[in-house]
């Protein structure tokens, strides 16, 4: 009985929440129309489990359904759904009419719209489209500008913020506004026009709605995606898409047409108007987006660039350890943000552990991969024995709160057996004392007191020639030794050696991931190897080199750019794969070969 009561209370609460979120609204695009012309009635229903609306019949009032559209928005992990029904409403008989209240069932609750008034004029009266400017003759002005075939708009999906941060993948809403009576075929995906922003995770299936903008009705195609920037400032978010658009010839609408006397003559005449088709590139206006730098004040030491909102889903720390023996530590973080820059949490206290790099796995929570979870596994070795308490910590920047935050998992009591690991200090080499120099005594001034020597000249003695050869050898050996020392300490040579070592390690990691079938790990390690080569060429940190910079400095058909594109696709999509394709190995070899010293 208690379970049934609780289930009933939960059902009532969920129904109440759904009812509070529901909303039904009906609007007419104009208040009066000539006889035979229909006004557009738009019925918008927000909420889940909405029933089909029924419009009551009114004498001499004609109502024709023109379809429905559904819109789903995902903002910061919150999903909202709405359904829009479109009708043509009019009459052949002039007079004042009232569109009655429309009843709709949403979530088991009844909602009603407000009644609407519509005046039907005599067919001879001129009636301009709603909110549309007219010329002195009373006819609609012909649109011959660049936006006649449509345009794009870009805006941040989070309405409460008008800016983004460096390193943040900010959700954006991309809309293609096409004339309502046009026919369009998109020939490409969304493409960035500038170099300031990088475009991520554009939704594959766009949404389609009918909206009115500046007094004109448009078919709006909406995508959701993300943009990121690597430097602060105000930059235009310029995007474009290639399309083939056919619009109605407005000049043909001015020609006299035969009228049949049936309902909505003008509407059917417009549907039979000739079309003008053109291949166009729909571009967005240069709407600037402010990119703010991450603050330096209050930045934790463990911050690695994660921007978003995250939380611990789980943390696994074994209870029994032994000093010097590694064990697996696991953790899972969930939330919204740039999961690509999420590193494994750190074990605390830091001086009690030695950790080793592990592996991670991302699981997307929505189509655009803005939300989801990331699992980590890595090895750790305790340094100290005895009973201890351990926890995992993770630092990130919250753009909504504009502050750094640190997450700490619940403390785990552990028992470590064995002796403490003491770091061995290097042995002190005793200083070697130089031998004492003997004081040279002066030769006697008297011949009888000095030793007797040979009268053979020094230059004629065999020892002199050997000394000359030895001196010449020492003179040559000195510069050679100095050159070897300078070459060994050459910064460029040491940097090149370090780069080659890091590249070999990254390629070894990529090979291990390929053997294990880890596709994301293969692309991450292989891309790091290419970044090391590019960092040596461009004199910058390898991890700071992004796809946007590669595309700006290297031709698009080069193997380096193509490999970065392939790596980004697997980084953000995280689709399962059967294994490492040989084409990827070939593309990696071509990219590395194009960056070798011989190719430059």
Protein backbone atom coordinates (compact mmCIF):
# COMPACT_ATOMS: atom_id res chain seq x y z
CA UNK A 1 0.00 0.00 0.00
CA UNK A 2 2.85 2.42 0.83
CA UNK A 3 4.51 1.72 -2.51
CA UNK A 4 1.28 2.41 -4.37
CA UNK A 5 0.79 5.70 -2.52
CA UNK A 6 4.37 6.79 -3.30
CA UNK A 7 3.95 5.83 -6.96
CA UNK A 8 0.71 7.83 -7.12
CA UNK A 9 2.38 10.88 -5.54
CA UNK A 10 5.30 10.69 -8.01
CA UNK A 11 2.88 10.43 -10.95
CA UNK A 12 0.90 13.43 -9.71
CA UNK A 13 4.12 15.45 -9.23
CA UNK A 14 5.41 14.60 -12.72
CA UNK A 15 2.03 15.50 -14.23
CA UNK A 16 2.06 18.83 -12.37
CA UNK A 17 5.58 19.65 -13.55
CA UNK A 18 4.65 18.76 -17.15
CA UNK A 19 1.52 20.92 -16.90
CA UNK A 20 3.49 23.87 -15.55
CA UNK A 21 5.93 23.60 -18.47
CA UNK A 22 3.13 23.32 -21.08
CA UNK A 23 1.99 26.33 -23.11
CA UNK A 24 -0.50 26.73 -25.99
CA UNK A 25 -0.61 29.88 -28.14
CA UNK A 26 -2.54 30.78 -31.33
CA UNK A 27 -1.71 33.80 -33.54
CA UNK A 28 -2.88 35.28 -36.87
CA UNK A 29 -0.37 36.96 -39.13
CA UNK A 30 -2.93 39.68 -40.01
CA UNK A 31 -6.25 41.02 -38.77
CA UNK A 32 -8.02 41.43 -42.15
CA UNK A 33 -7.88 39.76 -45.57
CA UNK A 34 -9.81 40.15 -48.84
CA UNK A 35 -12.46 37.56 -49.68
CA UNK A 36 -10.84 34.47 -51.20
CA UNK A 37 -7.47 35.13 -49.48
CA UNK A 38 -6.37 33.17 -46.42
CA UNK A 39 -4.63 34.50 -43.31
CA UNK A 40 -2.00 32.26 -41.65
CA UNK A 41 -3.07 30.82 -38.30
CA UNK A 42 -0.12 29.48 -36.25
CA UNK A 43 -0.79 27.22 -33.25
CA UNK A 44 2.29 26.58 -31.10
CA UNK A 45 2.19 23.89 -28.38
CA UNK A 46 5.05 23.57 -25.86
CA UNK A 47 5.19 20.45 -23.71
CA UNK A 48 5.22 16.68 -23.97
CA UNK A 49 2.42 14.25 -24.89
CA UNK A 50 0.36 16.90 -26.73
CA UNK A 51 -2.80 15.79 -28.51
CA UNK A 52 -3.97 16.89 -31.95
CA UNK A 53 -5.84 20.22 -31.86
CA UNK A 54 -9.42 20.47 -33.08
CA UNK A 55 -10.72 23.80 -34.47
CA UNK A 56 -14.50 24.28 -34.02
CA UNK A 57 -16.51 24.96 -37.16
CA UNK A 58 -17.76 28.52 -37.86
CA UNK A 59 -20.36 29.33 -40.53
CA UNK A 60 -18.78 30.57 -43.83
CA UNK A 61 -15.26 30.37 -42.29
CA UNK A 62 -12.86 28.11 -44.22
CA UNK A 63 -9.95 26.47 -42.34
CA UNK A 64 -7.33 24.45 -44.28
CA UNK A 65 -4.45 22.60 -42.60
CA UNK A 66 -0.99 23.33 -44.01
CA UNK A 67 1.06 20.86 -41.98
CA UNK A 68 2.97 20.70 -38.74
CA UNK A 69 6.59 21.03 -37.60
CA UNK A 70 8.37 19.90 -34.48
CA UNK A 71 11.27 21.60 -32.74
CA UNK A 72 13.58 20.18 -30.06
CA UNK A 73 16.16 22.37 -28.35
CA UNK A 74 19.02 21.14 -26.16
CA UNK A 75 20.64 23.89 -24.09
CA UNK A 76 23.07 22.98 -21.26
CA UNK A 77 21.63 19.46 -21.15
CA UNK A 78 18.00 20.66 -20.81
CA UNK A 79 15.62 19.45 -23.55
CA UNK A 80 12.50 21.39 -24.57
CA UNK A 81 10.03 20.27 -27.26
CA UNK A 82 7.35 22.18 -29.16
CA UNK A 83 4.93 21.44 -32.04
CA UNK A 84 3.68 24.09 -34.47
CA UNK A 85 0.52 23.64 -36.58
CA UNK A 86 -0.15 25.95 -39.53
CA UNK A 87 -3.59 26.67 -41.03
CA UNK A 88 -5.02 28.99 -43.73
CA UNK A 89 -8.14 30.77 -42.48
CA UNK A 90 -10.46 32.88 -44.67
CA UNK A 91 -13.84 33.14 -46.31
CA UNK A 92 -15.56 33.90 -49.60
CA UNK A 93 -18.15 36.03 -47.80
CA UNK A 94 -17.07 39.44 -46.43
CA UNK A 95 -17.78 40.10 -42.77
CA UNK A 96 -16.39 39.94 -39.24
CA UNK A 97 -15.43 36.46 -38.03
CA UNK A 98 -14.08 35.03 -34.82
CA UNK A 99 -11.71 32.06 -34.67
CA UNK A 100 -12.98 30.32 -31.53
CA UNK A 101 -10.82 29.06 -28.70
CA UNK A 102 -8.89 25.93 -29.64
CA UNK A 103 -8.73 23.12 -27.05
CA UNK A 104 -5.57 21.00 -26.78
CA UNK A 105 -4.77 18.17 -24.33
CA UNK A 106 -1.17 18.36 -23.02
CA UNK A 107 0.03 15.81 -20.51
CA UNK A 108 -3.53 14.83 -19.69
CA UNK A 109 -4.57 18.42 -18.97
CA UNK A 110 -6.79 20.64 -21.12
CA UNK A 111 -5.46 23.98 -22.44
CA UNK A 112 -7.40 26.59 -24.47
CA UNK A 113 -6.22 29.48 -26.64
CA UNK A 114 -7.69 32.97 -26.75
CA UNK A 115 -10.34 33.65 -29.46
CA UNK A 116 -9.02 35.58 -32.49
CA UNK A 117 -10.81 38.12 -34.67
CA UNK A 118 -10.54 38.16 -38.46
CA UNK A 119 -12.15 40.70 -40.80
CA UNK A 120 -12.87 39.53 -44.37
CA UNK A 121 -13.04 42.48 -46.79
CA UNK A 122 -14.62 42.74 -50.19
CA UNK A 123 -12.47 41.05 -52.84
CA UNK A 124 -11.90 44.41 -54.56
CA UNK A 125 -10.19 45.87 -51.47
CA UNK A 126 -6.42 45.85 -51.44
CA UNK A 127 -4.85 44.05 -48.51
CA UNK A 128 -1.05 44.15 -48.00
CA UNK A 129 0.80 41.28 -46.30
CA UNK A 130 1.21 41.71 -42.57
CA UNK A 131 4.19 43.85 -41.47
CA UNK A 132 5.36 44.20 -45.09
CA UNK A 133 6.35 47.69 -46.37
CA UNK A 134 4.45 48.90 -49.44
CA UNK A 135 5.36 51.20 -52.27
CA UNK A 136 3.07 54.16 -53.15
CA UNK A 137 1.07 52.03 -55.63
CA UNK A 138 0.07 49.67 -52.80
CA UNK A 139 1.98 46.63 -54.22
CA UNK A 140 4.60 44.60 -52.37
CA UNK A 141 8.15 45.79 -52.93
CA UNK A 142 10.22 43.27 -54.86
CA UNK A 143 13.20 41.90 -52.96
CA UNK A 144 16.20 41.86 -55.27
CA UNK A 145 19.01 41.99 -52.66
CA UNK A 146 21.55 39.33 -51.71
CA UNK A 147 19.21 37.96 -49.02
CA UNK A 148 16.45 37.24 -51.53
CA UNK A 149 17.54 33.60 -51.61
CA UNK A 150 18.09 33.36 -47.83
CA UNK A 151 20.78 33.97 -45.21
CA UNK A 152 22.33 32.51 -42.04
CA UNK A 153 22.34 33.68 -38.42
CA UNK A 154 24.65 32.51 -35.63
CA UNK A 155 24.03 33.07 -31.92
CA UNK A 156 25.09 31.58 -28.61
CA UNK A 157 22.59 28.94 -27.51
CA UNK A 158 22.96 29.95 -23.86
CA UNK A 159 20.82 33.11 -23.78
CA UNK A 160 21.97 34.09 -20.30
CA UNK A 161 25.54 34.67 -21.55
CA UNK A 162 26.73 36.85 -24.41
CA UNK A 163 30.38 35.77 -24.31
CA UNK A 164 32.59 32.68 -24.30
CA UNK A 165 35.96 31.82 -22.75
CA UNK A 166 39.24 30.70 -24.27
CA UNK A 167 39.22 26.91 -24.56
CA UNK A 168 35.46 26.64 -24.03
CA UNK A 169 33.32 24.85 -26.63
CA UNK A 170 30.37 27.25 -26.51
CA UNK A 171 27.04 25.86 -27.84
CA UNK A 172 25.69 27.92 -30.75
CA UNK A 173 22.44 27.94 -32.71
CA UNK A 174 22.91 28.17 -36.50
CA UNK A 175 19.85 29.07 -38.58
CA UNK A 176 19.32 29.13 -42.32
CA UNK A 177 16.45 31.50 -43.19
CA UNK A 178 14.84 30.49 -46.50
CA UNK A 179 11.82 32.21 -48.08
CA UNK A 180 8.66 30.36 -47.01
CA UNK A 181 7.53 29.65 -50.59
CA UNK A 182 10.97 28.64 -51.83
CA UNK A 183 12.52 25.26 -52.57
CA UNK A 184 16.04 24.63 -51.30
CA UNK A 185 18.65 21.89 -51.53
CA UNK A 186 21.68 22.19 -49.25
CA UNK A 187 24.84 21.18 -51.12
CA UNK A 188 27.33 21.32 -48.23
CA UNK A 189 27.61 21.35 -44.48
CA UNK A 190 28.15 24.40 -42.30
CA UNK A 191 31.60 25.86 -42.99
CA UNK A 192 33.54 28.54 -41.01
CA UNK A 193 34.53 31.60 -43.02
CA UNK A 194 37.18 33.02 -40.66
CA UNK A 195 40.12 31.67 -38.66
CA UNK A 196 39.16 33.01 -35.24
CA UNK A 197 36.79 30.16 -34.34
CA UNK A 198 36.82 26.38 -34.75
CA UNK A 199 33.48 24.69 -35.41
CA UNK A 200 32.66 21.47 -33.51
CA UNK A 201 29.94 18.82 -33.33
CA UNK A 202 27.35 20.25 -35.74
CA UNK A 203 24.12 18.25 -35.43
CA UNK A 204 23.53 15.92 -38.35
CA UNK A 205 19.73 16.24 -38.53
CA UNK A 206 18.62 19.91 -38.54
CA UNK A 207 15.24 21.06 -37.28
CA UNK A 208 12.73 22.85 -39.50
CA UNK A 209 10.20 25.48 -38.42
CA UNK A 210 8.13 28.34 -39.87
CA UNK A 211 8.89 31.80 -38.46
CA UNK A 212 8.24 35.47 -39.29
CA UNK A 213 11.19 37.88 -39.37
CA UNK A 214 11.01 41.57 -40.37
CA UNK A 215 7.45 41.06 -41.62
CA UNK A 216 8.35 38.12 -43.91
CA UNK A 217 7.67 34.43 -43.44
CA UNK A 218 10.63 32.05 -43.62
CA UNK A 219 11.30 28.35 -43.47
CA UNK A 220 13.98 28.14 -40.78
CA UNK A 221 16.46 25.22 -40.75
CA UNK A 222 18.26 25.05 -37.39
CA UNK A 223 21.50 23.28 -36.46
CA UNK A 224 23.19 23.12 -33.08
CA UNK A 225 26.96 23.03 -32.77
CA UNK A 226 29.86 24.48 -30.83
CA UNK A 227 32.62 27.02 -31.45
CA UNK A 228 35.91 27.48 -29.64
CA UNK A 229 38.67 30.06 -29.79
CA UNK A 230 42.32 29.95 -28.71
CA UNK A 231 42.76 33.66 -28.00
CA UNK A 232 40.74 36.43 -26.37
CA UNK A 233 39.05 39.31 -28.20
CA UNK A 234 35.96 40.10 -30.24
CA UNK A 235 35.74 38.09 -33.46
CA UNK A 236 33.03 37.69 -36.13
CA UNK A 237 31.36 34.28 -36.10
CA UNK A 238 31.15 34.00 -39.89
CA UNK A 239 29.67 30.76 -41.25
CA UNK A 240 28.36 29.73 -44.67
CA UNK A 241 26.56 26.90 -46.44
CA UNK A 242 26.24 26.15 -50.15
CA UNK A 243 22.69 25.67 -51.40
CA UNK A 244 20.51 25.62 -54.50
CA UNK A 245 17.48 27.83 -53.86
CA UNK A 246 14.45 28.38 -56.10
CA UNK A 247 12.23 31.40 -55.28
CA UNK A 248 9.04 32.60 -56.94
CA UNK A 249 9.34 35.18 -59.73
CA UNK A 250 7.77 38.23 -58.11
CA UNK A 251 7.52 39.90 -61.51
CA UNK A 252 5.20 37.12 -62.69
CA UNK A 253 2.88 37.81 -59.77
CA UNK A 254 2.11 41.23 -61.28
CA UNK A 255 0.78 39.73 -64.50
CA UNK A 256 -3.04 39.34 -64.83
CA UNK A 257 -4.24 35.84 -63.92
CA UNK A 258 -7.38 33.94 -64.69
CA UNK A 259 -9.64 33.52 -61.67
CA UNK A 260 -11.79 30.44 -61.19
CA UNK A 261 -14.06 31.79 -58.52
CA UNK A 262 -13.06 29.05 -56.10
CA UNK A 263 -11.75 29.60 -52.55
CA UNK A 264 -8.26 31.04 -52.15
CA UNK A 265 -7.75 31.95 -55.84
CA UNK A 266 -4.74 34.14 -55.09
CA UNK A 267 -3.10 31.42 -53.00
CA UNK A 268 -3.35 28.82 -55.76
CA UNK A 269 -2.16 31.36 -58.34
CA UNK A 270 0.98 31.95 -56.28
CA UNK A 271 1.64 28.23 -56.05
CA UNK A 272 1.67 28.08 -59.87
CA UNK A 273 4.00 31.07 -60.26
CA UNK A 274 7.29 30.34 -62.13
CA UNK A 275 10.40 29.76 -59.98
CA UNK A 276 13.89 31.30 -60.27
CA UNK A 277 16.63 28.81 -59.30
CA UNK A 278 20.18 29.78 -58.36
CA UNK A 279 23.26 28.22 -56.73
CA UNK A 280 24.09 30.49 -53.79
CA UNK A 281 26.29 30.59 -50.70
CA UNK A 282 24.23 31.55 -47.68
CA UNK A 283 26.40 33.57 -45.31
CA UNK A 284 25.86 34.87 -41.82
CA UNK A 285 26.22 38.50 -40.90
CA UNK A 286 29.46 39.28 -39.09
CA UNK A 287 27.93 38.92 -35.62
CA UNK A 288 30.77 39.43 -33.17
CA UNK A 289 31.21 37.09 -30.20
CA UNK A 290 33.34 38.20 -27.28
CA UNK A 291 35.96 35.68 -26.15
CA UNK A 292 37.31 36.32 -22.67
CA UNK A 293 40.61 34.95 -21.32
CA UNK A 294 40.60 32.52 -18.44
CA UNK A 295 41.37 34.46 -15.25
CA UNK A 296 44.78 33.97 -13.67
CA UNK A 297 43.60 34.89 -10.19
CA UNK A 298 42.55 31.85 -8.20
CA UNK A 299 43.74 29.35 -10.83
CA UNK A 300 44.48 26.01 -9.05
CA UNK A 301 47.80 24.26 -9.60
CA UNK A 302 46.02 21.16 -10.92
CA UNK A 303 44.03 23.01 -13.62
CA UNK A 304 44.69 21.51 -17.08
CA UNK A 305 42.23 23.46 -19.27
CA UNK A 306 38.85 21.81 -18.61
CA UNK A 307 36.02 24.33 -19.11
CA UNK A 308 32.39 23.49 -18.37
CA UNK A 309 30.38 22.03 -15.52
CA UNK A 310 31.32 18.58 -14.22
CA UNK A 311 30.72 16.21 -11.31
CA UNK A 312 31.98 12.87 -10.03
CA UNK A 313 29.78 9.93 -11.00
CA UNK A 314 32.05 7.35 -9.42
CA UNK A 315 35.53 6.93 -7.94
CA UNK A 316 37.18 3.57 -7.39
CA UNK A 317 40.22 3.37 -5.04
CA UNK A 318 41.24 -0.09 -3.74
CA UNK A 319 41.25 -0.51 0.05
CA UNK A 320 44.38 -2.70 0.41
CA UNK A 321 47.77 -1.72 -1.04
CA UNK A 322 51.42 -2.61 -0.78
CA UNK A 323 54.20 -0.10 -1.19
CA UNK A 324 55.95 -0.37 -4.53
CA UNK A 325 53.18 -2.44 -6.18
CA UNK A 326 50.82 -0.67 -8.62
CA UNK A 327 47.03 -1.06 -8.71
CA UNK A 328 44.25 0.31 -10.93
CA UNK A 329 42.35 3.45 -9.92
CA UNK A 330 39.13 4.30 -11.79
CA UNK A 331 36.88 7.38 -11.97
CA UNK A 332 34.03 8.73 -14.10
CA UNK A 333 33.22 12.42 -14.60
CA UNK A 334 29.98 13.66 -16.17
CA UNK A 335 28.57 17.04 -17.17
CA UNK A 336 28.86 19.49 -20.05
CA UNK A 337 31.97 21.09 -21.54
CA UNK A 338 35.13 20.41 -23.51
CA UNK A 339 35.63 16.73 -22.67
CA UNK A 340 38.63 16.59 -25.03
CA UNK A 341 40.73 18.53 -22.47
CA UNK A 342 39.65 16.47 -19.45
CA UNK A 343 42.61 14.72 -17.81
CA UNK A 344 42.42 12.04 -15.15
CA UNK A 345 41.75 13.22 -11.58
CA UNK A 346 44.71 13.38 -9.21
CA UNK A 347 45.20 11.18 -6.16
CA UNK A 348 45.61 13.09 -2.92
CA UNK A 349 47.67 13.60 -0.87
CA UNK A 350 50.04 13.98 -3.83
CA UNK A 351 53.26 13.22 -1.89
CA UNK A 352 51.92 9.81 -0.87
CA UNK A 353 51.46 8.50 -4.45
CA UNK A 354 53.25 7.95 -7.69
CA UNK A 355 50.87 7.71 -10.66
CA UNK A 356 51.29 6.54 -14.25
CA UNK A 357 49.36 7.51 -17.41
CA UNK A 358 46.35 5.34 -18.21
CA UNK A 359 43.44 5.32 -20.66
CA UNK A 360 40.10 7.09 -20.91
CA UNK A 361 36.77 6.61 -22.70
CA UNK A 362 34.18 9.26 -23.59
CA UNK A 363 30.44 8.53 -23.80
CA UNK A 364 28.34 11.26 -25.46
CA UNK A 365 25.08 12.28 -23.81
CA UNK A 366 23.55 14.07 -26.80
CA UNK A 367 23.88 14.36 -30.57
CA UNK A 368 26.34 17.25 -30.41
CA UNK A 369 28.59 15.67 -27.70
CA UNK A 370 28.32 18.74 -25.44
CA UNK A 371 27.17 16.59 -22.54
CA UNK A 372 28.22 13.11 -21.53
CA UNK A 373 30.66 11.29 -19.27
CA UNK A 374 34.31 10.31 -19.40
CA UNK A 375 35.79 7.27 -17.64
CA UNK A 376 39.46 7.10 -16.55
CA UNK A 377 41.71 4.21 -15.54
CA UNK A 378 45.31 4.64 -14.41
CA UNK A 379 47.89 2.91 -12.22
CA UNK A 380 49.19 4.23 -8.90
CA UNK A 381 51.86 3.15 -6.40
CA UNK A 382 51.73 4.15 -2.68
CA UNK A 383 54.90 5.62 -1.21
CA UNK A 384 54.04 5.29 2.47
CA UNK A 385 52.75 2.40 4.58
CA UNK A 386 50.07 2.29 7.25
CA UNK A 387 46.44 3.36 7.54
CA UNK A 388 45.66 6.35 5.32
CA UNK A 389 42.83 8.28 3.68
CA UNK A 390 42.87 8.89 -0.09
CA UNK A 391 40.63 10.84 -2.47
CA UNK A 392 40.50 12.02 -6.10
CA UNK A 393 40.50 15.73 -6.97
CA UNK A 394 39.67 17.45 -10.24
CA UNK A 395 39.89 21.18 -11.16
CA UNK A 396 37.89 22.96 -13.87
CA UNK A 397 36.64 26.42 -14.84
CA UNK A 398 32.89 27.03 -14.65
CA UNK A 399 31.98 29.61 -17.37
CA UNK A 400 28.51 30.21 -15.93
CA UNK A 401 29.94 31.15 -12.52
CA UNK A 402 33.15 32.65 -14.03
CA UNK A 403 35.21 30.88 -11.36
CA UNK A 404 37.51 27.89 -10.87
CA UNK A 405 36.09 24.93 -8.99
CA UNK A 406 37.67 21.83 -7.46
CA UNK A 407 35.83 18.52 -7.10
CA UNK A 408 36.85 16.03 -4.42
CA UNK A 409 35.57 12.47 -4.26
CA UNK A 410 34.55 10.95 -0.89
CA UNK A 411 37.51 9.94 1.27
CA UNK A 412 38.46 6.26 1.10
CA UNK A 413 40.17 4.60 4.05
CA UNK A 414 43.00 2.37 2.83
CA UNK A 415 45.57 0.10 4.43
CA UNK A 416 49.09 0.02 2.95
CA UNK A 417 51.53 -2.72 3.95
CA UNK A 418 55.26 -2.57 3.47
CA UNK A 419 57.97 -0.07 4.27
CA UNK A 420 57.99 3.54 3.12
CA UNK A 421 59.72 4.21 -0.18
CA UNK A 422 62.66 6.55 0.38
CA UNK A 423 64.00 8.46 -2.58
CA UNK A 424 67.69 7.63 -2.93
CA UNK A 425 69.83 10.76 -3.02
CA UNK A 426 72.80 10.77 -5.41
CA UNK A 427 76.12 9.78 -3.86
CA UNK A 428 78.52 12.63 -3.09
CA UNK A 429 81.74 12.26 -5.06
CA UNK A 430 84.77 13.23 -2.93
CA UNK A 431 86.73 16.17 -4.21
CA UNK A 432 90.06 15.21 -5.76
CA UNK A 433 92.95 17.31 -4.49
CA UNK A 434 95.53 18.48 -6.96
CA UNK A 435 99.08 17.21 -6.39
CA UNK A 436 101.44 19.67 -4.82
CA UNK A 437 103.78 21.36 -7.24
CA UNK A 438 107.51 21.00 -6.60
CA UNK A 439 109.45 24.20 -6.37
CA UNK A 440 112.00 24.42 -9.14
CA UNK A 441 115.49 25.20 -7.85
CA UNK A 442 117.81 27.56 -9.66
CA UNK A 443 120.80 26.20 -11.54
CA UNK A 444 124.22 26.85 -10.03
CA UNK A 445 126.07 29.85 -11.32
CA UNK A 446 129.35 28.03 -11.20
CA UNK A 447 130.03 25.32 -13.78
CA UNK A 448 131.63 23.09 -11.25
CA UNK A 449 128.48 23.15 -9.17
CA UNK A 450 126.03 22.40 -12.10
CA UNK A 451 125.37 18.94 -13.62
CA UNK A 452 127.19 18.02 -16.81
CA UNK A 453 125.00 17.92 -19.97
CA UNK A 454 125.27 16.77 -23.57
CA UNK A 455 126.62 19.16 -26.17
CA UNK A 456 124.19 17.86 -28.92
CA UNK A 457 121.75 20.69 -29.90
CA UNK A 458 118.16 20.24 -28.67
CA UNK A 459 116.66 20.44 -32.18
CA UNK A 460 118.84 17.52 -33.23
CA UNK A 461 117.64 15.24 -30.48
CA UNK A 462 114.93 12.58 -31.26
CA UNK A 463 112.87 13.67 -28.24
CA UNK A 464 112.45 17.19 -29.68
CA UNK A 465 110.80 15.95 -32.88
CA UNK A 466 108.44 13.73 -30.86
CA UNK A 467 107.51 16.71 -28.71
CA UNK A 468 106.76 18.74 -31.85
CA UNK A 469 104.45 16.02 -33.20
CA UNK A 470 102.72 15.75 -29.82
CA UNK A 471 102.23 19.53 -29.63
CA UNK A 472 100.79 19.65 -33.13
CA UNK A 473 98.41 16.84 -32.24
CA UNK A 474 97.33 18.69 -29.10
CA UNK A 475 96.75 21.86 -31.14
CA UNK A 476 94.43 19.96 -33.47
CA UNK A 477 92.75 17.98 -30.71
CA UNK A 478 91.83 21.13 -28.78
CA UNK A 479 89.59 22.68 -31.49
CA UNK A 480 88.06 19.25 -32.26
CA UNK A 481 87.23 18.73 -28.58
CA UNK A 482 85.76 22.25 -28.37
CA UNK A 483 83.62 21.64 -31.48
CA UNK A 484 82.33 18.37 -30.04
CA UNK A 485 81.50 20.10 -26.76
CA UNK A 486 79.70 22.95 -28.51
CA UNK A 487 77.78 20.47 -30.68
CA UNK A 488 76.75 18.43 -27.66
CA UNK A 489 75.48 21.56 -25.86
CA UNK A 490 73.83 23.08 -28.98
CA UNK A 491 70.23 24.06 -27.95
CA UNK A 492 68.86 23.34 -31.42
CA UNK A 493 70.41 19.89 -31.52
CA UNK A 494 69.18 19.06 -28.01
CA UNK A 495 65.71 20.35 -28.88
CA UNK A 496 65.68 18.27 -32.06
CA UNK A 497 66.80 15.18 -30.13
CA UNK A 498 64.09 15.74 -27.51
CA UNK A 499 61.51 16.20 -30.29
CA UNK A 500 62.55 12.96 -31.99
CA UNK A 501 62.42 11.11 -28.68
CA UNK A 502 58.93 12.43 -27.91
CA UNK A 503 57.82 11.57 -31.44
CA UNK A 504 59.11 8.00 -31.12
CA UNK A 505 57.33 7.59 -27.78
CA UNK A 506 54.06 8.91 -29.25
CA UNK A 507 54.37 6.57 -32.26
CA UNK A 508 55.06 3.66 -29.92
CA UNK A 509 51.91 4.52 -27.97
CA UNK A 510 49.97 4.73 -31.24
CA UNK A 511 51.25 1.32 -32.25
CA UNK A 512 50.19 -0.16 -28.91
CA UNK A 513 46.71 1.37 -29.27
CA UNK A 514 46.51 -0.01 -32.82
CA UNK A 515 47.36 -3.48 -31.54
CA UNK A 516 44.69 -3.17 -28.82
CA UNK A 517 42.07 -1.85 -31.28
CA UNK A 518 41.81 1.48 -29.39
CA UNK A 519 40.85 3.85 -32.26
CA UNK A 520 40.58 7.10 -30.17
CA UNK A 521 43.87 6.30 -28.42
CA UNK A 522 45.57 5.64 -31.78
CA UNK A 523 44.48 8.99 -33.21
CA UNK A 524 45.36 10.88 -30.00
CA UNK A 525 48.90 9.43 -29.85
CA UNK A 526 49.49 9.75 -33.62
CA UNK A 527 48.28 13.36 -33.65
CA UNK A 528 50.66 14.11 -30.72
CA UNK A 529 53.57 12.76 -32.80
CA UNK A 530 52.64 15.12 -35.66
CA UNK A 531 52.23 18.00 -33.18
CA UNK A 532 55.80 17.43 -31.93
CA UNK A 533 57.12 17.69 -35.53
CA UNK A 534 55.05 20.83 -36.17
CA UNK A 535 56.09 22.35 -32.84
CA UNK A 536 59.77 22.02 -33.82
CA UNK A 537 59.07 23.61 -37.22
CA UNK A 538 56.88 26.45 -35.92
CA UNK A 539 58.74 27.02 -32.62
CA UNK A 540 55.71 26.62 -30.34
CA UNK A 541 54.29 24.20 -27.80
CA UNK A 542 53.07 21.01 -29.55
CA UNK A 543 49.85 20.71 -27.45
CA UNK A 544 48.82 24.27 -28.49
CA UNK A 545 48.66 23.38 -32.21
CA UNK A 546 45.00 22.91 -33.23
CA UNK A 547 43.19 21.98 -36.42
CA UNK A 548 42.35 25.64 -37.06
CA UNK A 549 46.05 26.63 -37.04
CA UNK A 550 47.02 23.65 -39.21
CA UNK A 551 44.33 24.53 -41.75
CA UNK A 552 45.54 28.15 -41.77
CA UNK A 553 49.21 27.33 -42.41
CA UNK A 554 49.13 24.09 -44.40
CA UNK A 555 47.16 23.39 -47.61
CA UNK A 556 43.89 21.55 -47.10
CA UNK A 557 44.89 18.62 -49.32
CA UNK A 558 48.09 17.88 -47.39
CA UNK A 559 48.26 14.60 -45.41
CA UNK A 560 48.82 16.57 -42.18
CA UNK A 561 45.54 18.49 -42.52
CA UNK A 562 43.64 15.37 -43.59
CA UNK A 563 44.96 13.41 -40.60
CA UNK A 564 43.98 16.22 -38.17
CA UNK A 565 40.47 16.23 -39.66
CA UNK A 566 40.20 12.45 -39.26
CA UNK A 567 41.54 12.64 -35.67
CA UNK A 568 39.05 15.36 -34.71
CA UNK A 569 36.19 13.35 -36.19
CA UNK A 570 37.04 10.34 -34.02
CA UNK A 571 37.81 12.53 -30.99
CA UNK A 572 34.37 14.12 -30.84
CA UNK A 573 32.16 11.46 -32.42
CA UNK A 574 33.60 8.45 -30.51
CA UNK A 575 31.84 5.96 -32.78
CA UNK A 576 32.77 2.34 -32.37
CA UNK A 577 35.12 0.90 -34.98
CA UNK A 578 36.18 -2.57 -35.97
CA UNK A 579 39.87 -1.72 -35.87
CA UNK A 580 42.58 0.49 -37.23
CA UNK A 581 42.26 0.94 -40.98
CA UNK A 582 45.45 0.51 -43.04
CA UNK A 583 44.57 3.80 -44.75
CA UNK A 584 45.05 5.58 -41.42
CA UNK A 585 48.53 4.08 -41.06
CA UNK A 586 49.37 5.20 -44.61
CA UNK A 587 48.01 8.70 -43.95
CA UNK A 588 50.10 8.94 -40.75
CA UNK A 589 53.26 7.84 -42.60
CA UNK A 590 52.61 10.43 -45.35
CA UNK A 591 52.06 13.18 -42.78
CA UNK A 592 55.29 12.37 -40.91
CA UNK A 593 57.22 12.03 -44.17
CA UNK A 594 56.05 15.49 -45.27
CA UNK A 595 57.51 16.97 -42.05
CA UNK A 596 60.96 15.30 -42.16
CA UNK A 597 64.07 17.51 -42.67
CA UNK A 598 64.70 16.00 -46.12
CA UNK A 599 61.24 17.10 -47.32
CA UNK A 600 61.87 20.69 -46.28
